[in-house]
Amino acid sequence: MDQMTEPSRLSRPRRAPRDAVDPTEIVVIGLGAFGRFVAGHLAKQFVCRGFDRVEGDEVATALSSCDVVVLAVPFAALRETAALAGPWLKPGAVVVDVCSIKERPLAVLTATLPPSAEIVGTHPLFGPQSGRDGLDGLKLVICTPPTAMSCRLAAAMRRLFGLRIVWTDAAEHDRQMAHVQGLSHLIARALKAMELPDFAFATESYRHLLRMRDMLAGDSLALFRTITEENAAAGPVIARFRSEIDRLTAESEPR
């Protein structure tokens, strides 16, 4: 088993106290493709309000009364968004980060948000494409130590949406994502640029490549750069991949 799933090497979630309650009001900041997607699902079970940015009295009022804030903004906008939202948060509010990398976003939030905020670092391993038929069975990774509230949130996500909850730490998450996302997004973006057709004689392995390309085709350049440039573990993985391409190309050249 790898570290992201091996129970003996992970912090085991504690049970929430008997008097703990599910959050009732959630605010989503950032209404890009993923923000709209997650807000739509949350609104089926909670009072959920979405805003594209922290601006205006309506947003301030919503932030000051809500239990949970989901920051669904690109990593490049995370520090500014957290700085604008922080003063309006009520004591004990939970701030959920959904960036595709974890070490740097969590460091930014820890340095920016008020100490009274509880930070829960998550990575939903799905999006509008992979979750278009529902969330049941999809994975939500939580990369901060378990607390009563984060355990309560995890239990609610499992119960209400059928999500599979995986607990790990930020460093291990980023190490695995350097391979899982770094390589897949790099290859998919290259395949998209090549405009590959679905040939009549296509093999199943070729169609797997096309499916990967199509699944990631809608992801933004900002997300691609976050995955490949802001994850410190991604650089060596991508460099190794490129060196292997160069080696294979050199070996195939006529001697």
C-alpha atoms as a PDB file:
ATOM      1  CA  MET A   1       0.000   0.000   0.000  1.00  0.00           C
ATOM      2  CA  ASP A   2       1.185   3.545  -0.586  1.00  0.00           C
ATOM      3  CA  GLN A   3       1.358   6.170   2.131  1.00  0.00           C
ATOM      4  CA  MET A   4      -1.815   7.899   1.003  1.00  0.00           C
ATOM      5  CA  THR A   5      -3.911   4.872   1.855  1.00  0.00           C
ATOM      6  CA  GLU A   6      -1.956   2.899   4.466  1.00  0.00           C
ATOM      7  CA  PRO A   7      -3.763   3.279   7.808  1.00  0.00           C
ATOM      8  CA  SER A   8      -0.706   2.538   9.957  1.00  0.00           C
ATOM      9  CA  ARG A   9       1.230   5.483   8.539  1.00  0.00           C
ATOM     10  CA  LEU A  10      -1.516   8.085   8.655  1.00  0.00           C
ATOM     11  CA  SER A  11      -3.081  10.165  11.395  1.00  0.00           C
ATOM     12  CA  ARG A  12      -6.272   8.379  12.254  1.00  0.00           C
ATOM     13  CA  PRO A  13      -9.337  10.674  12.247  1.00  0.00           C
ATOM     14  CA  ARG A  14     -10.896  11.204  15.643  1.00  0.00           C
ATOM     15  CA  ARG A  15     -14.616  10.851  16.178  1.00  0.00           C
ATOM     16  CA  ALA A  16     -16.428  14.152  16.396  1.00  0.00           C
ATOM     17  CA  PRO A  17     -17.966  14.997  19.781  1.00  0.00           C
ATOM     18  CA  ARG A  18     -21.587  13.949  20.232  1.00  0.00           C
ATOM     19  CA  ASP A  19     -22.705  17.576  20.350  1.00  0.00           C
ATOM     20  CA  ALA A  20     -20.907  18.522  17.111  1.00  0.00           C
ATOM     21  CA  VAL A  21     -23.204  19.515  14.287  1.00  0.00           C
ATOM     22  CA  ASP A  22     -22.837  19.655  10.538  1.00  0.00           C
ATOM     23  CA  PRO A  23     -22.195  23.091   9.062  1.00  0.00           C
ATOM     24  CA  THR A  24     -25.366  24.808   7.927  1.00  0.00           C
ATOM     25  CA  GLU A  25     -24.045  27.761   5.938  1.00  0.00           C
ATOM     26  CA  ILE A  26     -21.266  27.482   3.381  1.00  0.00           C
ATOM     27  CA  VAL A  27     -19.774  30.216   1.205  1.00  0.00           C
ATOM     28  CA  VAL A  28     -17.829  29.374  -1.944  1.00  0.00           C
ATOM     29  CA  ILE A  29     -15.384  32.019  -3.164  1.00  0.00           C
ATOM     30  CA  GLY A  30     -14.337  31.585  -6.792  1.00  0.00           C
ATOM     31  CA  LEU A  31     -16.894  30.701  -9.440  1.00  0.00           C
ATOM     32  CA  GLY A  32     -14.732  29.254 -12.127  1.00  0.00           C
ATOM     33  CA  ALA A  33     -15.553  25.827 -13.567  1.00  0.00           C
ATOM     34  CA  PHE A  34     -14.747  23.947 -10.352  1.00  0.00           C
ATOM     35  CA  GLY A  35     -16.226  26.568  -8.028  1.00  0.00           C
ATOM     36  CA  ARG A  36     -19.560  26.477  -9.850  1.00  0.00           C
ATOM     37  CA  PHE A  37     -19.448  22.692  -9.904  1.00  0.00           C
ATOM     38  CA  VAL A  38     -18.833  22.280  -6.169  1.00  0.00           C
ATOM     39  CA  ALA A  39     -21.270  25.062  -5.206  1.00  0.00           C
ATOM     40  CA  GLY A  40     -24.000  23.332  -7.189  1.00  0.00           C
ATOM     41  CA  HIS A  41     -23.504  20.098  -5.270  1.00  0.00           C
ATOM     42  CA  LEU A  42     -23.202  21.772  -1.861  1.00  0.00           C
ATOM     43  CA  ALA A  43     -26.405  23.757  -2.472  1.00  0.00           C
ATOM     44  CA  LYS A  44     -28.326  20.469  -2.620  1.00  0.00           C
ATOM     45  CA  GLN A  45     -27.529  19.769   1.037  1.00  0.00           C
ATOM     46  CA  PHE A  46     -26.607  23.085   2.691  1.00  0.00           C
ATOM     47  CA  VAL A  47     -27.389  26.767   2.571  1.00  0.00           C
ATOM     48  CA  CYS A  48     -24.672  27.648   0.077  1.00  0.00           C
ATOM     49  CA  ARG A  49     -23.849  31.013  -1.454  1.00  0.00           C
ATOM     50  CA  GLY A  50     -21.252  31.571  -4.150  1.00  0.00           C
ATOM     51  CA  PHE A  51     -19.242  34.669  -5.053  1.00  0.00           C
ATOM     52  CA  ASP A  52     -16.569  35.120  -7.671  1.00  0.00           C
ATOM     53  CA  ARG A  53     -14.430  37.360  -5.455  1.00  0.00           C
ATOM     54  CA  VAL A  54     -14.366  39.021  -2.042  1.00  0.00           C
ATOM     55  CA  GLU A  55     -15.908  42.343  -2.931  1.00  0.00           C
ATOM     56  CA  GLY A  56     -18.895  44.282  -1.571  1.00  0.00           C
ATOM     57  CA  ASP A  57     -21.142  44.270   1.473  1.00  0.00           C
ATOM     58  CA  GLU A  58     -23.060  41.156   0.432  1.00  0.00           C
ATOM     59  CA  VAL A  59     -19.925  39.021   0.468  1.00  0.00           C
ATOM     60  CA  ALA A  60     -18.780  40.498   3.772  1.00  0.00           C
ATOM     61  CA  THR A  61     -22.130  39.730   5.380  1.00  0.00           C
ATOM     62  CA  ALA A  62     -22.112  36.165   4.062  1.00  0.00           C
ATOM     63  CA  LEU A  63     -18.552  35.548   5.294  1.00  0.00           C
ATOM     64  CA  SER A  64     -19.294  36.915   8.761  1.00  0.00           C
ATOM     65  CA  SER A  65     -22.171  34.496   9.318  1.00  0.00           C
ATOM     66  CA  CYS A  66     -21.117  31.280   7.589  1.00  0.00           C
ATOM     67  CA  ASP A  67     -19.631  28.162   9.187  1.00  0.00           C
ATOM     68  CA  VAL A  68     -17.429  27.106   6.267  1.00  0.00           C
ATOM     69  CA  VAL A  69     -15.689  29.025   3.490  1.00  0.00           C
ATOM     70  CA  VAL A  70     -14.470  27.130   0.432  1.00  0.00           C
ATOM     71  CA  LEU A  71     -11.707  28.986  -1.409  1.00  0.00           C
ATOM     72  CA  ALA A  72     -12.036  27.713  -4.985  1.00  0.00           C
ATOM     73  CA  VAL A  73      -9.614  30.202  -6.534  1.00  0.00           C
ATOM     74  CA  PRO A  74      -6.371  29.551  -8.437  1.00  0.00           C
ATOM     75  CA  PHE A  75      -3.260  29.299  -6.307  1.00  0.00           C
ATOM     76  CA  ALA A  76      -2.010  32.585  -7.764  1.00  0.00           C
ATOM     77  CA  ALA A  77      -5.049  34.361  -6.261  1.00  0.00           C
ATOM     78  CA  LEU A  78      -5.105  32.497  -2.940  1.00  0.00           C
ATOM     79  CA  ARG A  79      -3.074  34.906  -0.819  1.00  0.00           C
ATOM     80  CA  GLU A  80      -5.041  37.980  -1.904  1.00  0.00           C
ATOM     81  CA  THR A  81      -8.383  36.207  -1.490  1.00  0.00           C
ATOM     82  CA  ALA A  82      -7.501  34.950   1.984  1.00  0.00           C
ATOM     83  CA  ALA A  83      -6.290  38.396   3.027  1.00  0.00           C
ATOM     84  CA  LEU A  84      -9.572  39.980   1.913  1.00  0.00           C
ATOM     85  CA  ALA A  85     -11.762  37.293   3.479  1.00  0.00           C
ATOM     86  CA  GLY A  86      -9.877  36.911   6.767  1.00  0.00           C
ATOM     87  CA  PRO A  87     -11.145  40.040   8.578  1.00  0.00           C
ATOM     88  CA  TRP A  88     -14.777  39.046   7.965  1.00  0.00           C
ATOM     89  CA  LEU A  89     -14.578  35.480   9.271  1.00  0.00           C
ATOM     90  CA  LYS A  90     -16.323  34.691  12.518  1.00  0.00           C
ATOM     91  CA  PRO A  91     -14.192  33.014  15.204  1.00  0.00           C
ATOM     92  CA  GLY A  92     -13.861  29.301  14.576  1.00  0.00           C
ATOM     93  CA  ALA A  93     -14.894  29.488  10.918  1.00  0.00           C
ATOM     94  CA  VAL A  94     -13.513  26.685   8.789  1.00  0.00           C
ATOM     95  CA  VAL A  95     -11.630  27.636   5.635  1.00  0.00           C
ATOM     96  CA  VAL A  96     -11.380  24.831   3.090  1.00  0.00           C
ATOM     97  CA  ASP A  97      -8.689  24.969   0.423  1.00  0.00           C
ATOM     98  CA  VAL A  98      -9.221  22.905  -2.740  1.00  0.00           C
ATOM     99  CA  CYS A  99      -5.962  23.585  -4.622  1.00  0.00           C
ATOM    100  CA  SER A 100      -4.399  20.737  -6.583  1.00  0.00           C
ATOM    101  CA  ILE A 101      -1.170  21.158  -4.634  1.00  0.00           C
ATOM    102  CA  LYS A 102      -1.025  21.335  -0.873  1.00  0.00           C
ATOM    103  CA  GLU A 103       2.225  22.414   0.780  1.00  0.00           C
ATOM    104  CA  ARG A 104       2.399  25.944  -0.618  1.00  0.00           C
ATOM    105  CA  PRO A 105      -1.332  26.768  -0.343  1.00  0.00           C
ATOM    106  CA  LEU A 106      -1.429  25.630   3.283  1.00  0.00           C
ATOM    107  CA  ALA A 107       1.631  27.742   4.083  1.00  0.00           C
ATOM    108  CA  VAL A 108      -0.041  30.758   2.447  1.00  0.00           C
ATOM    109  CA  LEU A 109      -3.284  30.295   4.380  1.00  0.00           C
ATOM    110  CA  THR A 110      -1.505  29.744   7.686  1.00  0.00           C
ATOM    111  CA  ALA A 111       0.442  32.982   7.206  1.00  0.00           C
ATOM    112  CA  THR A 112      -2.551  35.001   5.970  1.00  0.00           C
ATOM    113  CA  LEU A 113      -5.698  33.966   7.835  1.00  0.00           C
ATOM    114  CA  PRO A 114      -6.458  34.932  11.446  1.00  0.00           C
ATOM    115  CA  PRO A 115      -5.384  32.346  14.057  1.00  0.00           C
ATOM    116  CA  SER A 116      -9.034  31.742  14.984  1.00  0.00           C
ATOM    117  CA  ALA A 117      -9.768  30.232  11.548  1.00  0.00           C
ATOM    118  CA  GLU A 118      -9.521  26.465  11.168  1.00  0.00           C
ATOM    119  CA  ILE A 119      -7.786  25.524   7.913  1.00  0.00           C
ATOM    120  CA  VAL A 120      -8.733  22.257   6.220  1.00  0.00           C
ATOM    121  CA  GLY A 121      -6.542  21.458   3.237  1.00  0.00           C
ATOM    122  CA  THR A 122      -8.306  19.259   0.703  1.00  0.00           C
ATOM    123  CA  HIS A 123      -7.859  18.067  -2.839  1.00  0.00           C
ATOM    124  CA  PRO A 124     -10.986  16.753  -4.563  1.00  0.00           C
ATOM    125  CA  LEU A 125      -9.688  14.143  -7.016  1.00  0.00           C
ATOM    126  CA  PHE A 126     -12.478  14.971  -9.440  1.00  0.00           C
ATOM    127  CA  GLY A 127     -13.926  17.883 -11.349  1.00  0.00           C
ATOM    128  CA  PRO A 128     -16.752  18.822 -13.697  1.00  0.00           C
ATOM    129  CA  GLN A 129     -15.734  16.171 -16.233  1.00  0.00           C
ATOM    130  CA  SER A 130     -14.965  13.210 -13.979  1.00  0.00           C
ATOM    131  CA  GLY A 131     -17.874  14.094 -11.679  1.00  0.00           C
ATOM    132  CA  ARG A 132     -20.468  14.802 -14.340  1.00  0.00           C
ATOM    133  CA  ASP A 133     -22.377  11.605 -13.491  1.00  0.00           C
ATOM    134  CA  GLY A 134     -22.268  12.163  -9.726  1.00  0.00           C
ATOM    135  CA  LEU A 135     -19.784  12.106  -6.862  1.00  0.00           C
ATOM    136  CA  ASP A 136     -20.454   8.648  -5.446  1.00  0.00           C
ATOM    137  CA  GLY A 137     -17.190   6.741  -5.014  1.00  0.00           C
ATOM    138  CA  LEU A 138     -14.918   9.643  -5.974  1.00  0.00           C
ATOM    139  CA  LYS A 139     -12.025  10.580  -3.684  1.00  0.00           C
ATOM    140  CA  LEU A 140     -11.558  13.620  -1.471  1.00  0.00           C
ATOM    141  CA  VAL A 141      -8.061  13.882   0.001  1.00  0.00           C
ATOM    142  CA  ILE A 142      -7.640  15.758   3.291  1.00  0.00           C
ATOM    143  CA  CYS A 143      -4.103  16.917   4.014  1.00  0.00           C
ATOM    144  CA  THR A 144      -4.367  18.604   7.421  1.00  0.00           C
ATOM    145  CA  PRO A 145      -4.375  16.861  10.816  1.00  0.00           C
ATOM    146  CA  PRO A 146      -7.823  15.610  11.816  1.00  0.00           C
ATOM    147  CA  THR A 147      -9.852  17.745  14.199  1.00  0.00           C
ATOM    148  CA  ALA A 148     -13.396  17.427  15.495  1.00  0.00           C
ATOM    149  CA  MET A 149     -14.679  19.748  12.762  1.00  0.00           C
ATOM    150  CA  SER A 150     -12.685  18.284   9.879  1.00  0.00           C
ATOM    151  CA  CYS A 151     -13.823  14.792  10.896  1.00  0.00           C
ATOM    152  CA  ARG A 152     -17.402  16.078  10.966  1.00  0.00           C
ATOM    153  CA  LEU A 153     -16.988  17.572   7.509  1.00  0.00           C
ATOM    154  CA  ALA A 154     -15.443  14.365   6.209  1.00  0.00           C
ATOM    155  CA  ALA A 155     -18.317  12.310   7.621  1.00  0.00           C
ATOM    156  CA  ALA A 156     -20.861  14.661   6.026  1.00  0.00           C
ATOM    157  CA  MET A 157     -19.148  14.477   2.634  1.00  0.00           C
ATOM    158  CA  ARG A 158     -19.126  10.689   2.849  1.00  0.00           C
ATOM    159  CA  ARG A 159     -22.722  10.422   4.012  1.00  0.00           C
ATOM    160  CA  LEU A 160     -24.327  13.050   1.774  1.00  0.00           C
ATOM    161  CA  PHE A 161     -22.326  12.670  -1.431  1.00  0.00           C
ATOM    162  CA  GLY A 162     -20.796   9.190  -1.237  1.00  0.00           C
ATOM    163  CA  LEU A 163     -17.235  10.533  -1.399  1.00  0.00           C
ATOM    164  CA  ARG A 164     -14.316   8.328  -0.386  1.00  0.00           C
ATOM    165  CA  ILE A 165     -12.216  10.213   2.184  1.00  0.00           C
ATOM    166  CA  VAL A 166      -8.440   9.744   2.186  1.00  0.00           C
ATOM    167  CA  TRP A 167      -6.259  11.276   4.926  1.00  0.00           C
ATOM    168  CA  THR A 168      -2.596  12.066   4.355  1.00  0.00           C
ATOM    169  CA  ASP A 169      -0.125  14.916   4.810  1.00  0.00           C
ATOM    170  CA  ALA A 170       0.688  17.718   2.382  1.00  0.00           C
ATOM    171  CA  ALA A 171       4.195  16.516   1.523  1.00  0.00           C
ATOM    172  CA  GLU A 172       3.075  12.995   0.612  1.00  0.00           C
ATOM    173  CA  HIS A 173       0.148  14.387  -1.353  1.00  0.00           C
ATOM    174  CA  ASP A 174       2.424  16.601  -3.435  1.00  0.00           C
ATOM    175  CA  ARG A 175       4.925  13.783  -3.989  1.00  0.00           C
ATOM    176  CA  GLN A 176       2.227  11.548  -5.443  1.00  0.00           C
ATOM    177  CA  MET A 177       0.534  14.334  -7.410  1.00  0.00           C
ATOM    178  CA  ALA A 178       3.832  15.168  -9.110  1.00  0.00           C
ATOM    179  CA  HIS A 179       3.407  11.850 -10.923  1.00  0.00           C
ATOM    180  CA  VAL A 180      -0.370  11.486 -10.995  1.00  0.00           C
ATOM    181  CA  GLN A 181      -1.196  15.003 -12.196  1.00  0.00           C
ATOM    182  CA  GLY A 182       2.132  16.406 -13.324  1.00  0.00           C
ATOM    183  CA  LEU A 183       2.649  13.761 -15.987  1.00  0.00           C
ATOM    184  CA  SER A 184      -0.992  13.327 -17.013  1.00  0.00           C
ATOM    185  CA  HIS A 185      -1.555  17.076 -17.491  1.00  0.00           C
ATOM    186  CA  LEU A 186       1.719  17.485 -19.372  1.00  0.00           C
ATOM    187  CA  ILE A 187       0.916  14.636 -21.746  1.00  0.00           C
ATOM    188  CA  ALA A 188      -2.732  15.676 -22.183  1.00  0.00           C
ATOM    189  CA  ARG A 189      -1.796  19.268 -23.045  1.00  0.00           C
ATOM    190  CA  ALA A 190       0.738  18.040 -25.604  1.00  0.00           C
ATOM    191  CA  LEU A 191      -1.839  15.692 -27.157  1.00  0.00           C
ATOM    192  CA  LYS A 192      -4.374  18.527 -27.323  1.00  0.00           C
ATOM    193  CA  ALA A 193      -1.866  20.718 -29.177  1.00  0.00           C
ATOM    194  CA  MET A 194      -1.249  17.891 -31.678  1.00  0.00           C
ATOM    195  CA  GLU A 195      -4.999  17.740 -32.528  1.00  0.00           C
ATOM    196  CA  LEU A 196      -4.961  13.955 -32.739  1.00  0.00           C
ATOM    197  CA  PRO A 197      -7.916  12.386 -34.595  1.00  0.00           C
ATOM    198  CA  ASP A 198      -9.811   9.276 -33.559  1.00  0.00           C
ATOM    199  CA  PHE A 199      -8.575   7.004 -36.341  1.00  0.00           C
ATOM    200  CA  ALA A 200     -10.698   4.165 -37.679  1.00  0.00           C
ATOM    201  CA  PHE A 201      -7.896   1.736 -36.810  1.00  0.00           C
ATOM    202  CA  ALA A 202      -7.288   3.177 -33.337  1.00  0.00           C
ATOM    203  CA  THR A 203      -6.271   0.668 -30.681  1.00  0.00           C
ATOM    204  CA  GLU A 204      -7.707   0.715 -27.186  1.00  0.00           C
ATOM    205  CA  SER A 205      -4.455   2.108 -25.785  1.00  0.00           C
ATOM    206  CA  TYR A 206      -4.621   4.977 -28.302  1.00  0.00           C
ATOM    207  CA  ARG A 207      -8.204   5.694 -27.284  1.00  0.00           C
ATOM    208  CA  HIS A 208      -7.073   5.770 -23.645  1.00  0.00           C
ATOM    209  CA  LEU A 209      -4.776   8.632 -24.627  1.00  0.00           C
ATOM    210  CA  LEU A 210      -7.656  10.442 -26.321  1.00  0.00           C
ATOM    211  CA  ARG A 211      -9.882   9.968 -23.289  1.00  0.00           C
ATOM    212  CA  MET A 212      -7.199  11.398 -21.021  1.00  0.00           C
ATOM    213  CA  ARG A 213      -6.781  14.352 -23.380  1.00  0.00           C
ATOM    214  CA  ASP A 214     -10.530  14.981 -23.484  1.00  0.00           C
ATOM    215  CA  MET A 215     -10.961  14.663 -19.712  1.00  0.00           C
ATOM    216  CA  LEU A 216      -8.325  17.341 -19.069  1.00  0.00           C
ATOM    217  CA  ALA A 217      -8.956  19.509 -22.138  1.00  0.00           C
ATOM    218  CA  GLY A 218     -11.099  22.006 -20.242  1.00  0.00           C
ATOM    219  CA  ASP A 219      -8.563  22.664 -17.479  1.00  0.00           C
ATOM    220  CA  SER A 220      -7.066  26.132 -17.499  1.00  0.00           C
ATOM    221  CA  LEU A 221      -3.486  27.111 -18.231  1.00  0.00           C
ATOM    222  CA  ALA A 222      -3.344  28.512 -14.677  1.00  0.00           C
ATOM    223  CA  LEU A 223      -4.157  25.066 -13.262  1.00  0.00           C
ATOM    224  CA  PHE A 224      -1.552  23.442 -15.510  1.00  0.00           C
ATOM    225  CA  ARG A 225       1.093  25.870 -14.291  1.00  0.00           C
ATOM    226  CA  THR A 226       0.133  25.333 -10.669  1.00  0.00           C
ATOM    227  CA  ILE A 227       0.443  21.564 -11.037  1.00  0.00           C
ATOM    228  CA  THR A 228       3.719  21.621 -12.962  1.00  0.00           C
ATOM    229  CA  GLU A 229       5.460  24.710 -11.547  1.00  0.00           C
ATOM    230  CA  GLU A 230       4.207  25.293  -7.983  1.00  0.00           C
ATOM    231  CA  ASN A 231       4.587  21.711  -6.793  1.00  0.00           C
ATOM    232  CA  ALA A 232       8.235  21.410  -5.779  1.00  0.00           C
ATOM    233  CA  ALA A 233       8.089  17.645  -6.332  1.00  0.00           C
ATOM    234  CA  ALA A 234       6.949  17.975  -9.967  1.00  0.00           C
ATOM    235  CA  GLY A 235      10.154  19.408 -11.430  1.00  0.00           C
ATOM    236  CA  PRO A 236      12.307  16.281 -11.058  1.00  0.00           C
ATOM    237  CA  VAL A 237       9.483  14.028 -12.292  1.00  0.00           C
ATOM    238  CA  ILE A 238       8.922  16.085 -15.449  1.00  0.00           C
ATOM    239  CA  ALA A 239      12.679  16.373 -16.027  1.00  0.00           C
ATOM    240  CA  ARG A 240      12.995  12.581 -15.812  1.00  0.00           C
ATOM    241  CA  PHE A 241      10.122  12.149 -18.281  1.00  0.00           C
ATOM    242  CA  ARG A 242      11.748  14.530 -20.767  1.00  0.00           C
ATOM    243  CA  SER A 243      15.110  12.806 -20.410  1.00  0.00           C
ATOM    244  CA  GLU A 244      13.491   9.451 -21.159  1.00  0.00           C
ATOM    245  CA  ILE A 245      11.852  10.896 -24.283  1.00  0.00           C
ATOM    246  CA  ASP A 246      15.224  12.257 -25.385  1.00  0.00           C
ATOM    247  CA  ARG A 247      16.898   8.904 -24.700  1.00  0.00           C
ATOM    248  CA  LEU A 248      14.305   6.932 -26.650  1.00  0.00           C
ATOM    249  CA  THR A 249      14.461   9.420 -29.526  1.00  0.00           C
ATOM    250  CA  ALA A 250      18.238   9.143 -29.662  1.00  0.00           C
ATOM    251  CA  GLU A 251      18.103   5.347 -29.601  1.00  0.00           C
ATOM    252  CA  SER A 252      15.658   5.300 -32.518  1.00  0.00           C
ATOM    253  CA  GLU A 253      17.804   7.494 -34.766  1.00  0.00           C
ATOM    254  CA  PRO A 254      19.678   5.747 -37.603  1.00  0.00           C
ATOM    255  CA  ARG A 255      23.244   4.862 -36.658  1.00  0.00           C
END
